Amino acid sequence: MAARHAVPMTSATREIAEAGGLMSYGPNIADAWRVVGVYAGRVLKGAKPKELPVEQASKFELVINHQTARMLGLTVPDKLLVAPTR
């Protein structure tokens, strides 16, 4: 809908930018799931969930959909252009 109406759209997840949104900035979801796995392992080994420390995301990523930017008539600075990692 955002593309149909030529409205720039941002999100916190890279999947939205990959699907056609203009950009996303947020925690790396794969890294967050890795931390969930570590916590699950600790609980399965007998740790009490209430005693586990709360962790904040430490890895963030900025994703800009260059094709969407061009469609909207926006210029993305060269410093922000890198090859896709996926």
Protein backbone atom coordinates (compact mmCIF):
# COMPACT_ATOMS: atom_id res chain seq x y z
CA MET A 1 0.00 0.00 0.00
CA ALA A 2 2.87 2.37 0.80
CA ALA A 3 4.41 1.72 -2.63
CA ARG A 4 1.07 2.19 -4.37
CA HIS A 5 0.72 5.63 -2.82
CA ALA A 6 4.45 6.48 -3.08
CA VAL A 7 4.79 6.92 0.69
CA PRO A 8 8.21 6.15 2.27
CA MET A 9 7.86 3.40 4.88
CA THR A 10 10.26 2.50 7.67
CA SER A 11 10.25 -0.45 10.01
CA ALA A 12 12.25 -2.09 12.78
CA THR A 13 12.67 -5.37 10.86
CA ARG A 14 14.76 -5.95 7.74
CA GLU A 15 12.07 -8.14 6.16
CA ILE A 16 9.86 -5.09 5.57
CA ALA A 17 12.65 -3.28 3.72
CA GLU A 18 13.38 -6.42 1.72
CA ALA A 19 9.69 -6.67 0.78
CA GLY A 20 9.59 -3.12 -0.61
CA GLY A 21 9.67 -0.72 2.33
CA LEU A 22 12.14 2.14 2.09
CA MET A 23 14.29 1.30 5.11
CA SER A 24 14.55 -0.43 8.44
CA TYR A 25 16.63 0.09 11.54
CA GLY A 26 16.48 -2.27 14.45
CA PRO A 27 18.04 -5.17 16.28
CA ASN A 28 19.46 -8.07 14.33
CA ILE A 29 16.72 -10.71 14.68
CA ALA A 30 19.04 -13.66 14.02
CA ASP A 31 21.26 -12.50 16.88
CA ALA A 32 18.22 -12.13 19.15
CA TRP A 33 17.10 -15.71 18.41
CA ARG A 34 20.63 -16.92 19.21
CA VAL A 35 20.33 -15.30 22.65
CA VAL A 36 16.91 -16.96 23.12
CA GLY A 37 18.54 -20.32 22.41
CA VAL A 38 21.25 -19.65 24.99
CA TYR A 39 18.61 -18.73 27.58
CA ALA A 40 16.53 -21.82 26.77
CA GLY A 41 19.64 -23.96 27.22
CA ARG A 42 20.31 -22.40 30.61
CA VAL A 43 16.74 -23.04 31.77
CA LEU A 44 16.86 -26.64 30.53
CA LYS A 45 20.04 -27.12 32.56
CA GLY A 46 18.25 -25.97 35.72
CA ALA A 47 18.71 -22.18 35.88
CA LYS A 48 15.79 -20.26 37.31
CA PRO A 49 14.40 -17.83 34.70
CA LYS A 50 13.92 -15.05 37.28
CA GLU A 51 17.64 -15.20 38.10
CA LEU A 52 18.81 -14.80 34.49
CA PRO A 53 19.94 -11.29 33.53
CA VAL A 54 17.91 -9.21 31.12
CA GLU A 55 19.89 -8.56 27.96
CA GLN A 56 19.44 -5.66 25.60
CA ALA A 57 20.08 -6.02 21.89
CA SER A 58 23.66 -5.12 21.07
CA LYS A 59 23.65 -5.61 17.31
CA PHE A 60 21.58 -3.24 15.17
CA GLU A 61 21.32 -2.99 11.41
CA LEU A 62 20.27 -0.33 8.92
CA VAL A 63 18.75 -1.67 5.70
CA ILE A 64 17.86 0.64 2.80
CA ASN A 65 15.96 -0.66 -0.20
CA HIS A 66 17.75 1.12 -3.05
CA GLN A 67 15.11 0.13 -5.61
CA THR A 68 12.33 1.66 -3.50
CA ALA A 69 14.40 4.80 -2.93
CA ARG A 70 14.84 5.24 -6.70
CA MET A 71 11.11 4.66 -7.24
CA LEU A 72 10.37 7.45 -4.74
CA GLY A 73 12.91 9.76 -6.40
CA LEU A 74 15.29 9.68 -3.42
CA THR A 75 19.06 9.64 -3.65
CA VAL A 76 20.88 7.33 -1.26
CA PRO A 77 24.36 8.63 -0.29
CA ASP A 78 27.22 6.42 -1.53
CA LYS A 79 28.45 5.93 2.05
CA LEU A 80 25.23 4.02 2.81
CA LEU A 81 25.43 1.71 -0.20
CA VAL A 82 26.97 -1.72 0.39
CA ALA A 83 26.43 -5.11 -1.15
CA PRO A 84 23.59 -7.14 0.41
CA THR A 85 24.71 -9.62 3.08
CA ARG A 86 21.98 -12.17 2.42
